[in-house]
Amino acid sequence: MIAAAQRRAPELSWIVADLVELDLRRSFDIVVLAGNVLIFLTPGTEGPVLGNVSRLLVSGGRAIAGYSLRRGGFDVAAHDALARASGLELEDRWSTWDGEPFGPDSTYAVSVHRKAD
């Protein structure tokens, strides 16, 4: 997939790395984890990944993650607790990338967490 991406967008920098150990030596205003990243991680690494995401953010920066919700799987309560432990506070949540309201019957979550100042 990376090779295909590089062919389609050679002007972009493409980095292959473990999200737990990724160190880009710079900070960002926004880090986006789209495409179910959090539910495809090795179980137990969600906290370290969110900690690394927090380290990549400037003060006041936002981490945005979207993922499918499955009974017994990674959920918004676990996400919020791990994010909070990493210095990120929930700012907003929707049930779609289009901003549909999140509710108890939602099967997808798009969460915006803000790094404390």
PDB file of N, CA and C in Angstrom:
ATOM      1  N   MET A   1       0.817  -1.191   0.000  1.00  0.00           N
ATOM      2  CA  MET A   1       0.000   0.000   0.000  1.00  0.00           C
ATOM      3  C   MET A   1       0.864   1.259   0.000  1.00  0.00           C
ATOM      4  N   ILE A   2       1.974   1.207   0.732  1.00  0.00           N
ATOM      5  CA  ILE A   2       2.858   2.376   0.771  1.00  0.00           C
ATOM      6  C   ILE A   2       3.451   2.640  -0.605  1.00  0.00           C
ATOM      7  N   ALA A   3       3.863   1.576  -1.293  1.00  0.00           N
ATOM      8  CA  ALA A   3       4.434   1.744  -2.634  1.00  0.00           C
ATOM      9  C   ALA A   3       3.409   2.390  -3.573  1.00  0.00           C
ATOM     10  N   ALA A   4       2.159   1.952  -3.489  1.00  0.00           N
ATOM     11  CA  ALA A   4       1.112   2.545  -4.316  1.00  0.00           C
ATOM     12  C   ALA A   4       0.902   4.011  -3.945  1.00  0.00           C
ATOM     13  N   ALA A   5       0.903   4.306  -2.660  1.00  0.00           N
ATOM     14  CA  ALA A   5       0.740   5.693  -2.215  1.00  0.00           C
ATOM     15  C   ALA A   5       1.897   6.559  -2.696  1.00  0.00           C
ATOM     16  N   GLN A   6       3.105   6.033  -2.619  1.00  0.00           N
ATOM     17  CA  GLN A   6       4.267   6.789  -3.078  1.00  0.00           C
ATOM     18  C   GLN A   6       4.190   7.082  -4.576  1.00  0.00           C
ATOM     19  N   ARG A   7       3.688   6.124  -5.342  1.00  0.00           N
ATOM     20  CA  ARG A   7       3.540   6.348  -6.784  1.00  0.00           C
ATOM     21  C   ARG A   7       2.486   7.421  -7.059  1.00  0.00           C
ATOM     22  N   ARG A   8       1.419   7.403  -6.290  1.00  0.00           N
ATOM     23  CA  ARG A   8       0.326   8.357  -6.526  1.00  0.00           C
ATOM     24  C   ARG A   8       0.628   9.750  -6.005  1.00  0.00           C
ATOM     25  N   ALA A   9       1.451   9.837  -4.971  1.00  0.00           N
ATOM     26  CA  ALA A   9       1.770  11.142  -4.372  1.00  0.00           C
ATOM     27  C   ALA A   9       3.248  11.193  -3.986  1.00  0.00           C
ATOM     28  N   PRO A  10       4.129  11.202  -4.968  1.00  0.00           N
ATOM     29  CA  PRO A  10       5.563  11.178  -4.667  1.00  0.00           C
ATOM     30  C   PRO A  10       6.065  12.446  -3.962  1.00  0.00           C
ATOM     31  N   GLU A  11       5.280  13.510  -3.995  1.00  0.00           N
ATOM     32  CA  GLU A  11       5.701  14.758  -3.354  1.00  0.00           C
ATOM     33  C   GLU A  11       5.519  14.733  -1.834  1.00  0.00           C
ATOM     34  N   LEU A  12       4.804  13.733  -1.328  1.00  0.00           N
ATOM     35  CA  LEU A  12       4.578  13.614   0.115  1.00  0.00           C
ATOM     36  C   LEU A  12       5.629  12.720   0.751  1.00  0.00           C
ATOM     37  N   SER A  13       5.861  12.939   2.042  1.00  0.00           N
ATOM     38  CA  SER A  13       6.754  12.067   2.805  1.00  0.00           C
ATOM     39  C   SER A  13       5.942  10.906   3.348  1.00  0.00           C
ATOM     40  N   TRP A  14       6.388   9.693   3.076  1.00  0.00           N
ATOM     41  CA  TRP A  14       5.701   8.489   3.551  1.00  0.00           C
ATOM     42  C   TRP A  14       6.614   7.792   4.538  1.00  0.00           C
ATOM     43  N   ILE A  15       6.100   7.547   5.733  1.00  0.00           N
ATOM     44  CA  ILE A  15       6.894   6.955   6.806  1.00  0.00           C
ATOM     45  C   ILE A  15       6.220   5.674   7.269  1.00  0.00           C
ATOM     46  N   VAL A  16       6.986   4.614   7.341  1.00  0.00           N
ATOM     47  CA  VAL A  16       6.490   3.347   7.871  1.00  0.00           C
ATOM     48  C   VAL A  16       7.158   3.160   9.228  1.00  0.00           C
ATOM     49  N   ALA A  17       6.328   3.084  10.278  1.00  0.00           N
ATOM     50  CA  ALA A  17       6.885   2.975  11.629  1.00  0.00           C
ATOM     51  C   ALA A  17       5.840   2.408  12.574  1.00  0.00           C
ATOM     52  N   ASP A  18       6.293   1.938  13.697  1.00  0.00           N
ATOM     53  CA  ASP A  18       5.421   1.479  14.766  1.00  0.00           C
ATOM     54  C   ASP A  18       4.881   2.721  15.475  1.00  0.00           C
ATOM     55  N   LEU A  19       3.562   2.844  15.614  1.00  0.00           N
ATOM     56  CA  LEU A  19       2.968   4.034  16.222  1.00  0.00           C
ATOM     57  C   LEU A  19       3.339   4.215  17.690  1.00  0.00           C
ATOM     58  N   VAL A  20       3.767   3.143  18.342  1.00  0.00           N
ATOM     59  CA  VAL A  20       4.208   3.251  19.729  1.00  0.00           C
ATOM     60  C   VAL A  20       5.558   3.968  19.797  1.00  0.00           C
ATOM     61  N   GLU A  21       6.395   3.743  18.799  1.00  0.00           N
ATOM     62  CA  GLU A  21       7.768   4.256  18.831  1.00  0.00           C
ATOM     63  C   GLU A  21       8.016   5.437  17.897  1.00  0.00           C
ATOM     64  N   LEU A  22       7.045   5.809  17.102  1.00  0.00           N
ATOM     65  CA  LEU A  22       7.214   6.858  16.112  1.00  0.00           C
ATOM     66  C   LEU A  22       7.694   8.162  16.739  1.00  0.00           C
ATOM     67  N   ASP A  23       8.796   8.690  16.233  1.00  0.00           N
ATOM     68  CA  ASP A  23       9.322   9.977  16.692  1.00  0.00           C
ATOM     69  C   ASP A  23       9.671  10.795  15.458  1.00  0.00           C
ATOM     70  N   LEU A  24       8.838  11.758  15.149  1.00  0.00           N
ATOM     71  CA  LEU A  24       9.054  12.580  13.953  1.00  0.00           C
ATOM     72  C   LEU A  24       9.890  13.817  14.235  1.00  0.00           C
ATOM     73  N   ARG A  25      10.253  14.024  15.495  1.00  0.00           N
ATOM     74  CA  ARG A  25      11.096  15.156  15.906  1.00  0.00           C
ATOM     75  C   ARG A  25      10.501  16.507  15.526  1.00  0.00           C
ATOM     76  N   ARG A  26       9.174  16.558  15.548  1.00  0.00           N
ATOM     77  CA  ARG A  26       8.448  17.815  15.336  1.00  0.00           C
ATOM     78  C   ARG A  26       7.069  17.666  15.939  1.00  0.00           C
ATOM     79  N   SER A  27       6.366  18.782  16.030  1.00  0.00           N
ATOM     80  CA  SER A  27       5.027  18.786  16.624  1.00  0.00           C
ATOM     81  C   SER A  27       3.998  19.205  15.586  1.00  0.00           C
ATOM     82  N   PHE A  28       2.742  18.836  15.872  1.00  0.00           N
ATOM     83  CA  PHE A  28       1.657  19.081  14.934  1.00  0.00           C
ATOM     84  C   PHE A  28       0.469  19.718  15.649  1.00  0.00           C
ATOM     85  N   ASP A  29      -0.325  20.476  14.905  1.00  0.00           N
ATOM     86  CA  ASP A  29      -1.568  21.034  15.431  1.00  0.00           C
ATOM     87  C   ASP A  29      -2.649  19.955  15.504  1.00  0.00           C
ATOM     88  N   ILE A  30      -2.607  19.025  14.559  1.00  0.00           N
ATOM     89  CA  ILE A  30      -3.616  17.969  14.479  1.00  0.00           C
ATOM     90  C   ILE A  30      -2.943  16.653  14.099  1.00  0.00           C
ATOM     91  N   VAL A  31      -3.358  15.581  14.762  1.00  0.00           N
ATOM     92  CA  VAL A  31      -2.984  14.223  14.366  1.00  0.00           C
ATOM     93  C   VAL A  31      -4.292  13.477  14.141  1.00  0.00           C
ATOM     94  N   VAL A  32      -4.437  12.870  12.971  1.00  0.00           N
ATOM     95  CA  VAL A  32      -5.666  12.158  12.622  1.00  0.00           C
ATOM     96  C   VAL A  32      -5.376  10.661  12.529  1.00  0.00           C
ATOM     97  N   LEU A  33      -6.169   9.887  13.262  1.00  0.00           N
ATOM     98  CA  LEU A  33      -6.110   8.426  13.207  1.00  0.00           C
ATOM     99  C   LEU A  33      -7.413   7.964  12.561  1.00  0.00           C
ATOM    100  N   ALA A  34      -7.416   7.949  11.244  1.00  0.00           N
ATOM    101  CA  ALA A  34      -8.617   7.567  10.500  1.00  0.00           C
ATOM    102  C   ALA A  34      -8.508   6.106  10.067  1.00  0.00           C
ATOM    103  N   GLY A  35      -9.630   5.552   9.674  1.00  0.00           N
ATOM    104  CA  GLY A  35      -9.600   4.199   9.134  1.00  0.00           C
ATOM    105  C   GLY A  35      -9.454   3.117  10.177  1.00  0.00           C
ATOM    106  N   ASN A  36     -10.041   3.320  11.354  1.00  0.00           N
ATOM    107  CA  ASN A  36     -10.061   2.280  12.386  1.00  0.00           C
ATOM    108  C   ASN A  36      -8.697   1.975  12.995  1.00  0.00           C
ATOM    109  N   VAL A  37      -7.778   2.923  12.971  1.00  0.00           N
ATOM    110  CA  VAL A  37      -6.434   2.684  13.504  1.00  0.00           C
ATOM    111  C   VAL A  37      -6.490   2.116  14.916  1.00  0.00           C
ATOM    112  N   LEU A  38      -7.259   2.743  15.799  1.00  0.00           N
ATOM    113  CA  LEU A  38      -7.249   2.314  17.197  1.00  0.00           C
ATOM    114  C   LEU A  38      -7.749   0.892  17.410  1.00  0.00           C
ATOM    115  N   ILE A  39      -8.642   0.402  16.565  1.00  0.00           N
ATOM    116  CA  ILE A  39      -9.136  -0.963  16.777  1.00  0.00           C
ATOM    117  C   ILE A  39      -8.276  -2.008  16.064  1.00  0.00           C
ATOM    118  N   PHE A  40      -7.333  -1.578  15.244  1.00  0.00           N
ATOM    119  CA  PHE A  40      -6.432  -2.519  14.588  1.00  0.00           C
ATOM    120  C   PHE A  40      -5.074  -2.618  15.278  1.00  0.00           C
ATOM    121  N   LEU A  41      -4.883  -1.873  16.358  1.00  0.00           N
ATOM    122  CA  LEU A  41      -3.635  -1.955  17.112  1.00  0.00           C
ATOM    123  C   LEU A  41      -3.563  -3.277  17.868  1.00  0.00           C
ATOM    124  N   THR A  42      -2.365  -3.695  18.193  1.00  0.00           N
ATOM    125  CA  THR A  42      -2.204  -4.850  19.068  1.00  0.00           C
ATOM    126  C   THR A  42      -2.862  -4.511  20.393  1.00  0.00           C
ATOM    127  N   PRO A  43      -3.781  -5.367  20.873  1.00  0.00           N
ATOM    128  CA  PRO A  43      -4.444  -5.070  22.152  1.00  0.00           C
ATOM    129  C   PRO A  43      -3.419  -4.757  23.245  1.00  0.00           C
ATOM    130  N   GLY A  44      -3.715  -3.704  23.981  1.00  0.00           N
ATOM    131  CA  GLY A  44      -2.824  -3.266  25.049  1.00  0.00           C
ATOM    132  C   GLY A  44      -1.882  -2.149  24.638  1.00  0.00           C
ATOM    133  N   THR A  45      -1.799  -1.857  23.334  1.00  0.00           N
ATOM    134  CA  THR A  45      -0.911  -0.775  22.890  1.00  0.00           C
ATOM    135  C   THR A  45      -1.659   0.532  22.647  1.00  0.00           C
ATOM    136  N   GLU A  46      -2.974   0.530  22.842  1.00  0.00           N
ATOM    137  CA  GLU A  46      -3.750   1.748  22.597  1.00  0.00           C
ATOM    138  C   GLU A  46      -3.261   2.910  23.465  1.00  0.00           C
ATOM    139  N   GLY A  47      -2.998   2.651  24.734  1.00  0.00           N
ATOM    140  CA  GLY A  47      -2.504   3.698  25.639  1.00  0.00           C
ATOM    141  C   GLY A  47      -1.165   4.268  25.204  1.00  0.00           C
ATOM    142  N   PRO A  48      -0.171   3.407  24.953  1.00  0.00           N
ATOM    143  CA  PRO A  48       1.108   3.941  24.463  1.00  0.00           C
ATOM    144  C   PRO A  48       0.993   4.700  23.144  1.00  0.00           C
ATOM    145  N   VAL A  49       0.134   4.248  22.246  1.00  0.00           N
ATOM    146  CA  VAL A  49      -0.052   4.975  20.982  1.00  0.00           C
ATOM    147  C   VAL A  49      -0.656   6.347  21.253  1.00  0.00           C
ATOM    148  N   LEU A  50      -1.681   6.414  22.096  1.00  0.00           N
ATOM    149  CA  LEU A  50      -2.274   7.714  22.422  1.00  0.00           C
ATOM    150  C   LEU A  50      -1.275   8.602  23.152  1.00  0.00           C
ATOM    151  N   GLY A  51      -0.427   8.017  23.982  1.00  0.00           N
ATOM    152  CA  GLY A  51       0.631   8.791  24.637  1.00  0.00           C
ATOM    153  C   GLY A  51       1.586   9.384  23.611  1.00  0.00           C
ATOM    154  N   ASN A  52       1.926   8.606  22.596  1.00  0.00           N
ATOM    155  CA  ASN A  52       2.808   9.101  21.547  1.00  0.00           C
ATOM    156  C   ASN A  52       2.114  10.176  20.721  1.00  0.00           C
ATOM    157  N   VAL A  53       0.842   9.977  20.432  1.00  0.00           N
ATOM    158  CA  VAL A  53       0.073  11.000  19.711  1.00  0.00           C
ATOM    159  C   VAL A  53       0.094  12.304  20.509  1.00  0.00           C
ATOM    160  N   SER A  54      -0.103  12.215  21.807  1.00  0.00           N
ATOM    161  CA  SER A  54      -0.084  13.405  22.659  1.00  0.00           C
ATOM    162  C   SER A  54       1.271  14.104  22.586  1.00  0.00           C
ATOM    163  N   ARG A  55       2.354  13.322  22.600  1.00  0.00           N
ATOM    164  CA  ARG A  55       3.698  13.908  22.498  1.00  0.00           C
ATOM    165  C   ARG A  55       3.915  14.621  21.166  1.00  0.00           C
ATOM    166  N   LEU A  56       3.227  14.165  20.117  1.00  0.00           N
ATOM    167  CA  LEU A  56       3.373  14.786  18.800  1.00  0.00           C
ATOM    168  C   LEU A  56       2.594  16.089  18.660  1.00  0.00           C
ATOM    169  N   LEU A  57       1.677  16.359  19.593  1.00  0.00           N
ATOM    170  CA  LEU A  57       0.818  17.534  19.495  1.00  0.00           C
ATOM    171  C   LEU A  57       1.409  18.746  20.206  1.00  0.00           C
ATOM    172  N   VAL A  58       1.181  19.911  19.620  1.00  0.00           N
ATOM    173  CA  VAL A  58       1.500  21.161  20.307  1.00  0.00           C
ATOM    174  C   VAL A  58       0.467  21.355  21.409  1.00  0.00           C
ATOM    175  N   SER A  59       0.745  22.230  22.340  1.00  0.00           N
ATOM    176  CA  SER A  59      -0.234  22.577  23.359  1.00  0.00           C
ATOM    177  C   SER A  59      -1.490  23.107  22.678  1.00  0.00           C
ATOM    178  N   GLY A  60      -2.648  22.575  23.049  1.00  0.00           N
ATOM    179  CA  GLY A  60      -3.900  22.962  22.425  1.00  0.00           C
ATOM    180  C   GLY A  60      -4.203  22.221  21.136  1.00  0.00           C
ATOM    181  N   GLY A  61      -3.282  21.355  20.702  1.00  0.00           N
ATOM    182  CA  GLY A  61      -3.490  20.577  19.483  1.00  0.00           C
ATOM    183  C   GLY A  61      -4.561  19.514  19.677  1.00  0.00           C
ATOM    184  N   ARG A  62      -5.024  18.967  18.571  1.00  0.00           N
ATOM    185  CA  ARG A  62      -6.127  18.006  18.628  1.00  0.00           C
ATOM    186  C   ARG A  62      -5.756  16.670  18.001  1.00  0.00           C
ATOM    187  N   ALA A  63      -6.206  15.612  18.662  1.00  0.00           N
ATOM    188  CA  ALA A  63      -6.103  14.253  18.146  1.00  0.00           C
ATOM    189  C   ALA A  63      -7.506  13.841  17.722  1.00  0.00           C
ATOM    190  N   ILE A  64      -7.657  13.417  16.476  1.00  0.00           N
ATOM    191  CA  ILE A  64      -8.955  13.016  15.946  1.00  0.00           C
ATOM    192  C   ILE A  64      -8.856  11.558  15.534  1.00  0.00           C
ATOM    193  N   ALA A  65      -9.760  10.735  16.064  1.00  0.00           N
ATOM    194  CA  ALA A  65      -9.737   9.302  15.753  1.00  0.00           C
ATOM    195  C   ALA A  65     -11.139   8.823  15.426  1.00  0.00           C
ATOM    196  N   GLY A  66     -11.241   8.047  14.350  1.00  0.00           N
ATOM    197  CA  GLY A  66     -12.516   7.455  13.962  1.00  0.00           C
ATOM    198  C   GLY A  66     -12.387   5.948  13.898  1.00  0.00           C
ATOM    199  N   TYR A  67     -13.375   5.240  14.467  1.00  0.00           N
ATOM    200  CA  TYR A  67     -13.314   3.780  14.472  1.00  0.00           C
ATOM    201  C   TYR A  67     -14.694   3.178  14.711  1.00  0.00           C
ATOM    202  N   SER A  68     -14.833   1.953  14.226  1.00  0.00           N
ATOM    203  CA  SER A  68     -16.071   1.199  14.414  1.00  0.00           C
ATOM    204  C   SER A  68     -16.176   0.712  15.850  1.00  0.00           C
ATOM    205  N   LEU A  69     -17.393   0.698  16.344  1.00  0.00           N
ATOM    206  CA  LEU A  69     -17.655   0.218  17.698  1.00  0.00           C
ATOM    207  C   LEU A  69     -18.253  -1.180  17.621  1.00  0.00           C
ATOM    208  N   ARG A  70     -17.637  -2.103  18.345  1.00  0.00           N
ATOM    209  CA  ARG A  70     -18.118  -3.473  18.384  1.00  0.00           C
ATOM    210  C   ARG A  70     -18.276  -3.886  19.833  1.00  0.00           C
ATOM    211  N   ARG A  71     -19.335  -4.595  20.114  1.00  0.00           N
ATOM    212  CA  ARG A  71     -19.567  -5.075  21.472  1.00  0.00           C
ATOM    213  C   ARG A  71     -18.349  -5.867  21.963  1.00  0.00           C
ATOM    214  N   GLY A  72     -17.855  -5.494  23.124  1.00  0.00           N
ATOM    215  CA  GLY A  72     -16.691  -6.159  23.702  1.00  0.00           C
ATOM    216  C   GLY A  72     -15.366  -5.685  23.149  1.00  0.00           C
ATOM    217  N   GLY A  73     -15.391  -4.736  22.204  1.00  0.00           N
ATOM    218  CA  GLY A  73     -14.159  -4.216  21.625  1.00  0.00           C
ATOM    219  C   GLY A  73     -13.762  -2.887  22.236  1.00  0.00           C
ATOM    220  N   PHE A  74     -12.765  -2.279  21.655  1.00  0.00           N
ATOM    221  CA  PHE A  74     -12.311  -0.958  22.099  1.00  0.00           C
ATOM    222  C   PHE A  74     -13.488   0.007  21.990  1.00  0.00           C
ATOM    223  N   ASP A  75     -13.727   0.773  23.041  1.00  0.00           N
ATOM    224  CA  ASP A  75     -14.894   1.651  23.050  1.00  0.00           C
ATOM    225  C   ASP A  75     -14.524   3.055  23.482  1.00  0.00           C
ATOM    226  N   VAL A  76     -15.500   3.941  23.448  1.00  0.00           N
ATOM    227  CA  VAL A  76     -15.237   5.347  23.758  1.00  0.00           C
ATOM    228  C   VAL A  76     -14.846   5.561  25.217  1.00  0.00           C
ATOM    229  N   ALA A  77     -15.352   4.745  26.126  1.00  0.00           N
ATOM    230  CA  ALA A  77     -14.966   4.894  27.537  1.00  0.00           C
ATOM    231  C   ALA A  77     -13.482   4.581  27.717  1.00  0.00           C
ATOM    232  N   ALA A  78     -13.031   3.498  27.092  1.00  0.00           N
ATOM    233  CA  ALA A  78     -11.605   3.148  27.170  1.00  0.00           C
ATOM    234  C   ALA A  78     -10.771   4.224  26.473  1.00  0.00           C
ATOM    235  N   HIS A  79     -11.237   4.671  25.330  1.00  0.00           N
ATOM    236  CA  HIS A  79     -10.536   5.709  24.582  1.00  0.00           C
ATOM    237  C   HIS A  79     -10.376   6.967  25.442  1.00  0.00           C
ATOM    238  N   ASP A  80     -11.468   7.413  26.042  1.00  0.00           N
ATOM    239  CA  ASP A  80     -11.417   8.630  26.859  1.00  0.00           C
ATOM    240  C   ASP A  80     -10.485   8.478  28.052  1.00  0.00           C
ATOM    241  N   ALA A  81     -10.508   7.320  28.710  1.00  0.00           N
ATOM    242  CA  ALA A  81      -9.644   7.097  29.868  1.00  0.00           C
ATOM    243  C   ALA A  81      -8.171   7.096  29.462  1.00  0.00           C
ATOM    244  N   LEU A  82      -7.845   6.407  28.376  1.00  0.00           N
ATOM    245  CA  LEU A  82      -6.456   6.364  27.912  1.00  0.00           C
ATOM    246  C   LEU A  82      -6.005   7.729  27.409  1.00  0.00           C
ATOM    247  N   ALA A  83      -6.890   8.438  26.740  1.00  0.00           N
ATOM    248  CA  ALA A  83      -6.563   9.779  26.269  1.00  0.00           C
ATOM    249  C   ALA A  83      -6.296  10.714  27.450  1.00  0.00           C
ATOM    250  N   ARG A  84      -7.170  10.664  28.446  1.00  0.00           N
ATOM    251  CA  ARG A  84      -7.009  11.504  29.634  1.00  0.00           C
ATOM    252  C   ARG A  84      -5.673  11.223  30.324  1.00  0.00           C
ATOM    253  N   ALA A  85      -5.299   9.951  30.407  1.00  0.00           N
ATOM    254  CA  ALA A  85      -4.022   9.575  31.022  1.00  0.00           C
ATOM    255  C   ALA A  85      -2.835  10.102  30.219  1.00  0.00           C
ATOM    256  N   SER A  86      -3.073  10.418  28.949  1.00  0.00           N
ATOM    257  CA  SER A  86      -2.026  10.941  28.070  1.00  0.00           C
ATOM    258  C   SER A  86      -2.058  12.463  27.956  1.00  0.00           C
ATOM    259  N   GLY A  87      -2.912  13.113  28.743  1.00  0.00           N
ATOM    260  CA  GLY A  87      -2.991  14.568  28.718  1.00  0.00           C
ATOM    261  C   GLY A  87      -3.936  15.123  27.674  1.00  0.00           C
ATOM    262  N   LEU A  88      -4.875  14.283  27.211  1.00  0.00           N
ATOM    263  CA  LEU A  88      -5.838  14.700  26.194  1.00  0.00           C
ATOM    264  C   LEU A  88      -7.240  14.691  26.782  1.00  0.00           C
ATOM    265  N   GLU A  89      -7.992  15.744  26.548  1.00  0.00           N
ATOM    266  CA  GLU A  89      -9.360  15.849  27.054  1.00  0.00           C
ATOM    267  C   GLU A  89     -10.354  15.822  25.900  1.00  0.00           C
ATOM    268  N   LEU A  90     -11.448  15.101  26.096  1.00  0.00           N
ATOM    269  CA  LEU A  90     -12.478  15.018  25.070  1.00  0.00           C
ATOM    270  C   LEU A  90     -13.059  16.401  24.804  1.00  0.00           C
ATOM    271  N   GLU A  91     -13.093  16.771  23.532  1.00  0.00           N
ATOM    272  CA  GLU A  91     -13.659  18.050  23.125  1.00  0.00           C
ATOM    273  C   GLU A  91     -14.992  17.849  22.397  1.00  0.00           C
ATOM    274  N   ASP A  92     -15.070  16.796  21.562  1.00  0.00           N
ATOM    275  CA  ASP A  92     -16.288  16.554  20.804  1.00  0.00           C
ATOM    276  C   ASP A  92     -16.294  15.120  20.308  1.00  0.00           C
ATOM    277  N   ARG A  93     -17.492  14.643  19.969  1.00  0.00           N
ATOM    278  CA  ARG A  93     -17.614  13.279  19.420  1.00  0.00           C
ATOM    279  C   ARG A  93     -18.832  13.224  18.522  1.00  0.00           C
ATOM    280  N   TRP A  94     -18.681  12.542  17.383  1.00  0.00           N
ATOM    281  CA  TRP A  94     -19.776  12.337  16.439  1.00  0.00           C
ATOM    282  C   TRP A  94     -19.855  10.853  16.088  1.00  0.00           C
ATOM    283  N   SER A  95     -20.923  10.486  15.386  1.00  0.00           N
ATOM    284  CA  SER A  95     -21.069   9.089  14.980  1.00  0.00           C
ATOM    285  C   SER A  95     -20.661   8.875  13.519  1.00  0.00           C
ATOM    286  N   THR A  96     -20.282   9.951  12.827  1.00  0.00           N
ATOM    287  CA  THR A  96     -19.791   9.855  11.454  1.00  0.00           C
ATOM    288  C   THR A  96     -18.772  10.964  11.225  1.00  0.00           C
ATOM    289  N   TRP A  97     -18.006  10.827  10.152  1.00  0.00           N
ATOM    290  CA  TRP A  97     -17.066  11.881   9.775  1.00  0.00           C
ATOM    291  C   TRP A  97     -17.811  13.116   9.284  1.00  0.00           C
ATOM    292  N   ASP A  98     -19.097  12.973   8.970  1.00  0.00           N
ATOM    293  CA  ASP A  98     -19.913  14.105   8.535  1.00  0.00           C
ATOM    294  C   ASP A  98     -20.526  14.875   9.700  1.00  0.00           C
ATOM    295  N   GLY A  99     -20.245  14.469  10.926  1.00  0.00           N
ATOM    296  CA  GLY A  99     -20.721  15.203  12.089  1.00  0.00           C
ATOM    297  C   GLY A  99     -22.088  14.814  12.605  1.00  0.00           C
ATOM    298  N   GLU A 100     -22.569  13.629  12.239  1.00  0.00           N
ATOM    299  CA  GLU A 100     -23.849  13.168  12.791  1.00  0.00           C
ATOM    300  C   GLU A 100     -23.711  12.988  14.308  1.00  0.00           C
ATOM    301  N   PRO A 101     -24.739  13.314  15.069  1.00  0.00           N
ATOM    302  CA  PRO A 101     -24.654  13.217  16.525  1.00  0.00           C
ATOM    303  C   PRO A 101     -24.317  11.796  17.000  1.00  0.00           C
ATOM    304  N   PHE A 102     -23.523  11.734  18.052  1.00  0.00           N
ATOM    305  CA  PHE A 102     -23.165  10.456  18.671  1.00  0.00           C
ATOM    306  C   PHE A 102     -24.212  10.115  19.729  1.00  0.00           C
ATOM    307  N   GLY A 103     -24.595   8.849  19.791  1.00  0.00           N
ATOM    308  CA  GLY A 103     -25.572   8.417  20.786  1.00  0.00           C
ATOM    309  C   GLY A 103     -25.334   6.982  21.199  1.00  0.00           C
ATOM    310  N   PRO A 104     -26.147   6.477  22.114  1.00  0.00           N
ATOM    311  CA  PRO A 104     -25.944   5.123  22.646  1.00  0.00           C
ATOM    312  C   PRO A 104     -26.060   4.023  21.592  1.00  0.00           C
ATOM    313  N   ASP A 105     -26.715   4.276  20.484  1.00  0.00           N
ATOM    314  CA  ASP A 105     -26.856   3.261  19.436  1.00  0.00           C
ATOM    315  C   ASP A 105     -25.853   3.443  18.290  1.00  0.00           C
ATOM    316  N   SER A 106     -24.939   4.382  18.433  1.00  0.00           N
ATOM    317  CA  SER A 106     -23.952   4.625  17.378  1.00  0.00           C
ATOM    318  C   SER A 106     -23.053   3.408  17.198  1.00  0.00           C
ATOM    319  N   THR A 107     -22.722   3.117  15.962  1.00  0.00           N
ATOM    320  CA  THR A 107     -21.829   1.995  15.652  1.00  0.00           C
ATOM    321  C   THR A 107     -20.457   2.480  15.201  1.00  0.00           C
ATOM    322  N   TYR A 108     -20.269   3.788  15.212  1.00  0.00           N
ATOM    323  CA  TYR A 108     -19.000   4.388  14.814  1.00  0.00           C
ATOM    324  C   TYR A 108     -18.792   5.622  15.682  1.00  0.00           C
ATOM    325  N   ALA A 109     -17.549   5.911  15.980  1.00  0.00           N
ATOM    326  CA  ALA A 109     -17.233   7.100  16.770  1.00  0.00           C
ATOM    327  C   ALA A 109     -16.107   7.884  16.106  1.00  0.00           C
ATOM    328  N   VAL A 110     -16.289   9.185  16.028  1.00  0.00           N
ATOM    329  CA  VAL A 110     -15.226  10.102  15.633  1.00  0.00           C
ATOM    330  C   VAL A 110     -15.024  11.007  16.841  1.00  0.00           C
ATOM    331  N   SER A 111     -13.880  10.862  17.476  1.00  0.00           N
ATOM    332  CA  SER A 111     -13.607  11.579  18.724  1.00  0.00           C
ATOM    333  C   SER A 111     -12.511  12.625  18.520  1.00  0.00           C
ATOM    334  N   VAL A 112     -12.742  13.790  19.084  1.00  0.00           N
ATOM    335  CA  VAL A 112     -11.762  14.880  19.051  1.00  0.00           C
ATOM    336  C   VAL A 112     -11.308  15.107  20.488  1.00  0.00           C
ATOM    337  N   HIS A 113     -10.023  14.903  20.716  1.00  0.00           N
ATOM    338  CA  HIS A 113      -9.420  15.154  22.021  1.00  0.00           C
ATOM    339  C   HIS A 113      -8.413  16.290  21.869  1.00  0.00           C
ATOM    340  N   ARG A 114      -8.394  17.158  22.853  1.00  0.00           N
ATOM    341  CA  ARG A 114      -7.507  18.347  22.829  1.00  0.00           C
ATOM    342  C   ARG A 114      -6.419  18.192  23.870  1.00  0.00           C
ATOM    343  N   LYS A 115      -5.198  18.527  23.482  1.00  0.00           N
ATOM    344  CA  LYS A 115      -4.076  18.483  24.431  1.00  0.00           C
ATOM    345  C   LYS A 115      -4.150  19.715  25.315  1.00  0.00           C
ATOM    346  N   ALA A 116      -4.079  19.480  26.602  1.00  0.00           N
ATOM    347  CA  ALA A 116      -4.156  20.581  27.572  1.00  0.00           C
ATOM    348  C   ALA A 116      -3.028  21.581  27.329  1.00  0.00           C
ATOM    349  N   ASP A 117      -3.366  22.853  27.594  1.00  0.00           N
ATOM    350  CA  ASP A 117      -2.356  23.930  27.457  1.00  0.00           C
ATOM    351  C   ASP A 117      -1.302  23.823  28.522  1.00  0.00           C
TER     352      ASP A 117
END
